[in-house]
Protein backbone atom coordinates (compact mmCIF):
# COMPACT_ATOMS: atom_id res chain seq x y z
CA MET A 1 15.69 -14.12 6.89
CA SER A 2 16.79 -16.44 4.08
CA GLU A 3 14.23 -17.88 1.69
CA SER A 4 15.13 -21.43 2.76
CA ALA A 5 14.46 -20.52 6.42
CA LEU A 6 11.13 -18.99 5.42
CA GLN A 7 10.19 -22.11 3.52
CA GLU A 8 11.15 -24.38 6.39
CA TYR A 9 9.12 -22.28 8.82
CA ALA A 10 6.09 -22.23 6.50
CA VAL A 11 6.01 -26.06 6.29
CA ARG A 12 6.39 -26.34 10.09
CA VAL A 13 3.37 -24.07 10.67
CA GLY A 14 1.18 -27.07 10.10
CA SER A 15 -2.17 -25.30 10.33
CA TYR A 16 -3.38 -23.53 7.21
CA PRO A 17 -4.10 -21.04 5.83
CA ALA A 18 -1.69 -18.68 7.53
CA TYR A 19 -0.02 -15.35 6.86
CA ILE A 20 3.69 -15.17 7.60
CA TYR A 21 5.34 -11.74 7.87
CA ASP A 22 9.14 -11.51 7.64
CA LEU A 23 9.79 -8.57 9.98
CA PRO A 24 13.63 -8.57 9.76
CA GLY A 25 13.44 -8.57 5.97
CA LEU A 26 10.91 -5.73 6.08
CA ALA A 27 13.14 -3.71 8.39
CA GLU A 28 16.14 -4.22 6.11
CA HIS A 29 14.15 -3.15 3.06
CA ALA A 30 12.76 -0.07 4.83
CA ALA A 31 16.24 0.95 6.05
CA ALA A 32 17.55 0.70 2.48
CA ILE A 33 14.74 2.97 1.23
CA ARG A 34 15.46 5.45 4.03
CA ALA A 35 19.14 5.51 3.06
CA ALA A 36 18.33 6.11 -0.57
CA LEU A 37 16.19 9.21 0.21
CA PRO A 38 18.17 11.19 2.77
CA GLY A 39 16.50 14.53 2.02
CA THR A 40 12.94 13.33 1.63
CA GLU A 41 10.31 12.66 4.30
CA ILE A 42 8.77 9.18 4.14
CA TYR A 43 5.23 8.64 5.37
CA TYR A 44 4.12 4.97 5.17
CA ALA A 45 0.67 4.61 3.60
CA ALA A 46 -1.12 2.46 6.20
CA LYS A 47 -3.79 1.37 3.71
CA ALA A 48 -1.22 -1.01 2.16
CA ASN A 49 -1.03 -3.05 5.37
CA PRO A 50 -2.03 -1.60 8.77
CA ASP A 51 -0.99 -4.73 10.78
CA ALA A 52 0.32 -3.50 14.13
CA GLU A 53 3.57 -5.46 13.87
CA ILE A 54 4.17 -4.11 10.39
CA LEU A 55 3.68 -0.55 11.67
CA ARG A 56 6.07 -1.11 14.63
CA THR A 57 8.72 -2.59 12.33
CA LEU A 58 8.54 0.35 9.96
CA ALA A 59 8.42 3.07 12.65
CA PRO A 60 12.22 3.53 13.05
CA HIS A 61 12.63 4.01 9.29
CA VAL A 62 9.85 6.44 8.42
CA ASP A 63 8.99 10.01 9.36
CA GLY A 64 5.26 9.44 9.73
CA VAL A 65 2.22 7.46 8.63
CA GLU A 66 -0.53 8.43 6.13
CA VAL A 67 -4.05 7.32 7.00
CA SER A 68 -7.25 7.49 5.01
CA SER A 69 -10.05 6.93 7.54
CA GLY A 70 -10.93 7.53 11.15
CA GLY A 71 -10.48 3.83 11.82
CA GLU A 72 -6.92 3.88 10.44
CA LEU A 73 -6.22 7.09 12.36
CA ASP A 74 -7.33 5.63 15.70
CA HIS A 75 -5.40 2.39 15.03
CA VAL A 76 -2.15 4.16 14.12
CA ARG A 77 -2.35 6.56 17.05
CA THR A 78 -2.92 3.59 19.40
CA THR A 79 -0.12 1.52 17.87
CA LEU A 80 2.44 4.31 17.40
CA PRO A 81 1.39 7.09 19.82
CA GLY A 82 4.20 9.52 19.02
CA MET A 83 4.31 9.05 15.24
CA PRO A 84 3.36 12.04 13.04
CA VAL A 85 0.22 11.36 11.00
CA ALA A 86 -1.20 12.80 7.79
CA PHE A 87 -4.94 12.27 7.18
CA GLY A 88 -5.90 11.95 3.50
CA GLY A 89 -8.58 10.42 1.37
CA PRO A 90 -11.90 11.66 -0.07
CA GLY A 91 -15.19 11.67 1.81
CA LYS A 92 -13.91 12.53 5.31
CA THR A 93 -16.88 12.78 7.64
CA THR A 94 -17.41 15.55 10.23
CA GLU A 95 -16.82 12.93 12.93
CA GLU A 96 -13.52 11.89 11.38
CA LEU A 97 -12.36 15.49 11.10
CA SER A 98 -13.23 16.03 14.76
CA LEU A 99 -11.30 12.91 15.67
CA ALA A 100 -8.31 14.25 13.73
CA GLN A 101 -8.42 17.42 15.78
CA ARG A 102 -8.75 15.56 19.09
CA LEU A 103 -5.83 13.29 18.20
CA LYS A 104 -3.76 16.24 17.03
CA VAL A 105 -3.12 15.07 13.48
CA GLU A 106 -0.15 16.95 12.04
CA ARG A 107 -1.49 17.35 8.50
CA ILE A 108 -4.93 17.10 6.89
CA HIS A 109 -5.10 16.67 3.12
CA VAL A 110 -8.15 18.65 2.09
CA GLU A 111 -10.08 17.24 -0.87
CA SER A 112 -12.74 19.94 -1.45
CA PRO A 113 -14.01 23.35 -0.34
CA ARG A 114 -16.88 21.66 1.47
CA GLU A 115 -14.53 19.42 3.39
CA LEU A 116 -12.47 22.51 4.32
CA SER A 117 -15.64 24.17 5.67
CA ARG A 118 -16.19 21.25 8.07
CA LEU A 119 -12.80 21.47 9.76
CA PRO A 120 -13.72 21.98 13.42
CA GLY A 121 -10.75 24.08 14.44
CA PRO A 122 -7.00 24.76 14.02
CA ALA A 123 -5.31 22.59 11.41
CA GLY A 124 -2.23 22.39 9.23
CA VAL A 125 -3.57 21.78 5.72
CA LEU A 126 -2.27 20.47 2.45
CA LEU A 127 -4.63 20.95 -0.50
CA ARG A 128 -4.91 17.92 -2.74
CA ALA A 129 -4.50 18.90 -6.33
CA ASN A 130 -5.97 16.98 -9.31
CA LEU A 131 -3.65 18.23 -12.04
CA PRO A 132 -4.09 17.58 -15.79
CA LEU A 133 -0.80 15.71 -16.11
CA ALA A 134 -0.49 12.56 -18.23
CA THR A 135 0.74 9.40 -16.51
CA PRO A 136 1.57 6.93 -19.29
CA GLY A 137 2.31 3.41 -18.07
CA ALA A 138 0.38 3.83 -14.84
CA ALA A 139 -1.35 0.78 -13.39
CA LEU A 140 -3.95 3.05 -11.81
CA SER A 141 -4.77 6.74 -12.41
CA MET A 142 -6.04 8.67 -9.41
CA SER A 143 -8.24 11.18 -11.16
CA GLY A 144 -11.99 11.67 -10.92
CA PRO A 145 -13.08 12.27 -7.32
CA PHE A 146 -9.56 12.69 -5.94
CA GLY A 147 -8.34 16.20 -5.23
CA MET A 148 -9.38 19.52 -6.79
CA ASP A 149 -8.97 21.47 -9.98
CA GLU A 150 -7.54 24.98 -10.11
CA ASP A 151 -10.85 26.73 -9.34
CA ASP A 152 -11.47 24.80 -6.15
CA LEU A 153 -7.82 25.10 -5.08
CA ARG A 154 -8.06 28.89 -5.37
CA GLU A 155 -11.36 28.91 -3.46
CA CYS A 156 -9.77 26.87 -0.63
CA ALA A 157 -6.76 29.18 -0.47
CA ARG A 158 -9.11 32.17 -0.29
CA ARG A 159 -11.12 30.62 2.57
CA ILE A 160 -8.04 29.59 4.51
CA ALA A 161 -6.68 33.14 4.34
CA GLY A 162 -9.80 34.28 6.19
CA THR A 163 -9.99 31.44 8.73
CA PRO A 164 -8.01 31.87 11.99
CA GLY A 165 -6.11 28.76 13.03
CA VAL A 166 -6.25 26.98 9.67
CA GLU A 167 -2.88 27.21 7.98
CA LEU A 168 -2.13 26.38 4.37
CA ARG A 169 1.17 24.46 4.53
CA GLY A 170 1.43 23.03 1.06
CA ILE A 171 0.13 20.82 -1.73
CA HIS A 172 -0.57 17.09 -1.93
CA VAL A 173 -0.59 15.36 -5.32
CA HIS A 174 -0.98 11.64 -5.95
CA LEU A 175 -1.93 11.11 -9.56
CA ALA A 176 -1.01 7.50 -10.38
CA SER A 177 0.23 4.15 -9.14
CA GLY A 178 2.50 1.53 -10.71
CA LEU A 179 5.16 3.87 -12.16
CA ASP A 180 8.89 3.14 -12.39
CA ALA A 181 11.51 5.54 -11.06
CA PRO A 182 12.08 7.60 -14.24
CA ALA A 183 8.31 8.11 -14.71
CA MET A 184 7.88 8.99 -11.04
CA LEU A 185 10.72 11.54 -11.27
CA ASP A 186 9.26 13.10 -14.40
CA LEU A 187 5.94 13.47 -12.64
CA ALA A 188 7.55 14.85 -9.48
CA HIS A 189 9.36 17.63 -11.36
CA LYS A 190 6.21 18.56 -13.30
CA VAL A 191 4.24 18.76 -10.05
CA ARG A 192 6.93 20.87 -8.44
CA ALA A 193 7.02 23.25 -11.43
CA TRP A 194 3.35 23.93 -10.89
CA ALA A 195 3.16 23.82 -7.09
CA VAL A 196 6.01 26.10 -6.04
CA PRO A 197 4.83 29.20 -7.99
CA TRP A 198 1.23 28.51 -6.93
CA LEU A 199 2.15 28.34 -3.24
CA GLU A 200 4.29 31.49 -3.54
CA GLU A 201 1.36 33.26 -5.18
CA HIS A 202 -0.77 32.39 -2.15
CA GLY A 203 1.78 33.54 0.40
CA VAL A 204 2.91 30.18 1.74
CA THR A 205 6.37 30.36 3.28
CA GLY A 206 8.39 27.20 3.91
CA PRO A 207 6.00 25.17 1.73
CA GLU A 208 5.56 21.39 1.83
CA LEU A 209 5.02 19.24 -1.23
CA ASN A 210 3.65 15.72 -0.82
CA ILE A 211 3.94 13.80 -4.09
CA GLY A 212 2.29 10.59 -2.78
CA GLY A 213 3.25 7.02 -3.54
CA GLY A 214 2.57 4.68 -6.45
CA MET A 215 6.00 3.11 -6.83
CA ALA A 216 5.78 0.14 -9.19
CA VAL A 217 5.56 -3.41 -7.89
CA ASP A 218 5.85 -6.15 -10.54
CA TYR A 219 3.96 -9.33 -9.56
CA THR A 220 5.31 -11.07 -12.68
CA ASP A 221 8.89 -10.62 -11.43
CA PRO A 222 9.11 -11.12 -7.64
CA GLU A 223 12.82 -10.33 -7.62
CA ALA A 224 12.39 -6.89 -9.21
CA ARG A 225 12.40 -3.80 -7.01
CA PHE A 226 11.61 -0.15 -7.55
CA ASP A 227 14.87 1.76 -8.14
CA TRP A 228 14.92 3.77 -4.92
CA ARG A 229 18.53 5.03 -5.44
CA THR A 230 17.73 6.53 -8.86
CA TYR A 231 14.56 8.00 -7.44
CA GLY A 232 16.28 9.54 -4.43
CA LYS A 233 19.09 11.05 -6.49
CA GLY A 234 16.66 12.64 -8.92
CA LEU A 235 14.12 14.19 -6.59
CA PRO A 236 14.16 17.97 -6.20
CA SER A 237 15.94 19.26 -3.11
CA SER A 238 13.30 21.88 -2.40
CA PRO A 239 10.68 22.60 -1.23
CA ARG A 240 10.20 20.29 1.80
CA LEU A 241 9.35 17.05 0.08
CA ARG A 242 7.30 14.11 1.32
CA ILE A 243 6.38 10.75 -0.25
CA GLU A 244 3.82 8.07 0.78
CA PRO A 245 4.97 4.61 -0.25
CA GLY A 246 2.90 1.62 0.77
CA ARG A 247 2.83 -1.48 -1.47
CA ALA A 248 6.49 -1.03 -2.54
CA MET A 249 7.58 -1.21 1.12
CA THR A 250 5.61 -4.17 2.44
CA ALA A 251 4.49 -6.37 -0.49
CA TYR A 252 7.66 -8.48 -0.56
CA HIS A 253 7.66 -9.50 3.13
CA GLY A 254 4.40 -11.36 3.48
CA TRP A 255 3.46 -14.94 2.49
CA TYR A 256 0.03 -16.53 2.37
CA VAL A 257 0.59 -20.21 3.01
CA THR A 258 -2.00 -22.91 2.47
CA ASP A 259 -2.41 -26.57 1.62
CA VAL A 260 -3.99 -28.66 -1.16
CA ILE A 261 -7.47 -30.06 -0.46
CA ASP A 262 -8.11 -31.67 -3.84
CA VAL A 263 -6.75 -31.98 -7.37
CA LYS A 264 -9.14 -32.69 -10.21
CA THR A 265 -9.31 -32.52 -14.00
CA THR A 266 -12.53 -31.26 -15.60
CA ARG A 267 -12.93 -31.23 -19.38
CA GLY A 268 -9.23 -31.37 -19.87
CA GLU A 269 -8.32 -28.60 -17.37
CA THR A 270 -6.62 -29.35 -14.03
CA TYR A 271 -7.62 -27.49 -10.91
CA VAL A 272 -5.76 -27.48 -7.57
CA ILE A 273 -8.22 -26.62 -4.83
CA LEU A 274 -6.58 -24.95 -1.86
CA ARG A 275 -7.76 -24.35 1.67
CA GLY A 276 -8.73 -20.68 2.01
CA GLY A 277 -9.11 -18.48 -1.06
CA THR A 278 -9.32 -14.94 -2.31
CA HIS A 279 -11.48 -13.99 0.68
CA HIS A 280 -8.12 -14.05 2.48
CA LEU A 281 -5.89 -12.86 -0.41
CA ARG A 282 -7.89 -10.68 -2.80
CA THR A 283 -4.87 -9.17 -4.52
CA PRO A 284 -4.79 -11.38 -7.70
CA VAL A 285 -8.53 -10.86 -8.30
CA THR A 286 -8.24 -7.11 -7.71
CA LYS A 287 -5.26 -6.59 -10.03
CA GLY A 288 -6.09 -9.34 -12.52
CA HIS A 289 -2.80 -11.20 -12.27
CA ASP A 290 -1.40 -14.56 -11.27
CA GLN A 291 -0.14 -14.38 -7.70
CA PRO A 292 3.47 -15.60 -7.55
CA PHE A 293 3.90 -18.74 -5.52
CA LYS A 294 6.25 -21.51 -4.44
CA VAL A 295 5.36 -25.17 -3.97
CA LEU A 296 7.06 -26.10 -0.72
CA THR A 297 6.51 -29.87 -0.43
CA ALA A 298 6.69 -31.32 -3.95
CA ASP A 299 10.19 -31.47 -5.44
CA GLY A 300 9.42 -32.98 -8.84
CA PRO A 301 9.59 -31.24 -12.23
CA GLU A 302 6.81 -28.91 -13.32
CA THR A 303 5.15 -31.38 -15.63
CA THR A 304 1.55 -30.22 -15.20
CA ARG A 305 -0.36 -27.05 -15.93
CA ALA A 306 -3.09 -26.20 -13.45
CA THR A 307 -5.26 -23.40 -12.13
CA LEU A 308 -4.90 -22.71 -8.43
CA VAL A 309 -8.25 -21.92 -6.78
CA GLY A 310 -9.74 -21.56 -3.33
CA GLN A 311 -12.88 -22.82 -1.61
CA LEU A 312 -15.29 -20.08 -2.61
CA CYS A 313 -18.49 -20.61 -4.57
CA THR A 314 -17.43 -18.32 -7.40
CA PRO A 315 -15.35 -18.89 -10.56
CA LYS A 316 -13.45 -15.69 -9.67
CA ASP A 317 -11.78 -17.42 -6.68
CA VAL A 318 -8.53 -17.85 -8.60
CA PHE A 319 -4.99 -17.31 -7.36
CA ALA A 320 -3.14 -18.25 -10.56
CA ARG A 321 -4.49 -19.55 -13.88
CA ASP A 322 -2.97 -22.27 -16.06
CA VAL A 323 0.47 -22.18 -14.46
CA PRO A 324 3.17 -24.88 -14.44
CA VAL A 325 3.31 -27.00 -11.26
CA PRO A 326 4.77 -30.34 -10.20
CA GLU A 327 2.45 -33.27 -9.55
CA LEU A 328 0.45 -32.16 -6.50
CA ALA A 329 -1.53 -34.18 -4.00
CA THR A 330 -3.73 -33.53 -0.98
CA GLY A 331 -1.66 -32.05 1.84
CA ASP A 332 1.00 -30.39 -0.31
CA VAL A 333 1.86 -26.89 0.87
CA ILE A 334 1.92 -23.79 -1.38
CA ALA A 335 3.15 -20.31 -0.34
CA PHE A 336 1.87 -17.29 -2.23
CA THR A 337 4.59 -14.66 -2.10
CA MET A 338 4.32 -10.86 -2.38
CA ALA A 339 1.35 -11.01 0.04
CA GLY A 340 2.49 -8.23 2.36
CA ALA A 341 0.35 -5.45 0.91
CA TYR A 342 -3.28 -5.03 -0.15
CA ALA A 343 -3.87 -8.64 0.73
CA TRP A 344 -5.66 -9.67 3.95
CA ASN A 345 -6.75 -6.12 4.77
CA ILE A 346 -8.69 -5.61 1.46
CA SER A 347 -10.26 -9.09 1.35
CA HIS A 348 -13.91 -10.05 1.89
CA HIS A 349 -13.18 -12.02 5.06
CA ASP A 350 -16.68 -13.16 5.95
CA PHE A 351 -17.81 -14.47 2.59
CA LEU A 352 -19.05 -18.07 3.23
CA MET A 353 -17.91 -17.71 6.85
CA HIS A 354 -14.75 -19.78 6.40
CA PRO A 355 -12.21 -19.67 9.27
CA LYS A 356 -9.80 -16.74 9.37
CA PRO A 357 -6.11 -17.43 8.66
CA ALA A 358 -3.52 -17.52 11.40
CA PHE A 359 -0.81 -14.83 11.53
CA HIS A 360 2.85 -15.55 12.27
CA TYR A 361 5.66 -13.03 12.65
CA LEU A 362 9.28 -13.95 11.96
CA ARG A 363 11.43 -11.78 14.23
CA GLY A 364 14.89 -13.14 13.63
CA ASP A 365 15.44 -14.08 17.26
């Protein structure tokens, strides 16, 4: 859907705050990613946005879904009953592992020897490796409690060899987020150089290598996109390769739309107070950036600098700080773009018990 059509729809919504998801745009983006990676399995990381309509829109373009909790697992199985699922994340409980067995999860990403010992029965396992590889330029490094070092990996392989029904299928590695295509490719080849010999040493035939997600999303440049073509062309052709993109698939296809309640100047600084707040859209607080936005109802020049805030009783309730805006008044409508990932689903919804936002789905029909 065109941006002008999105803007027109956002103004017509009339009741704010509201999330608007552009499902045709999401489907087109996902299809382009699929086309750029013909030899690679794509598992959507549900943590980015588990909205049921988002999942249904992505389903034709992905090979599976990665979940990180029993709640996500149950939700994905209910929403997409036939979709392959990989269950990752640290701290899996015994109850969650039992649920994974009952729901016949295709792959479990084991994070520790103790977690492995709590598997209740047959399972196809990938061991998550915490490798000592540098990730310069990463927005977030996934070290610390995530995955295992070489000693624990060997211990898990030894235990699996003596456990009927549990099959070591490969390695899972997700070391960083926020990397561009060349950095992601460099990391992928380094991981492969370690993983293939290690899996051969432990007798794994037809191995699988899951190199995770972490494709860069630039909130300072809403038009920029991760270079999927370069990434697809540079990935190794073997072994069986899987990735888990999340934010880079859905971020661009959600808007958080709200209206102006008040505009005031305090000690020389102008504040635009918006209905809603970061209890609905926590992304800018979490990542420490200005959320990109469009003013939909004021056409004048950007002659004012203002900080866009919500209704919460905290100075951290900031969407964008000291940004250029036109003259705004009560009732003007603002749309925060790039709100399709790690937005509503990671926000502290019940703080101050404000109303929840509405949800609208553009379907192109």
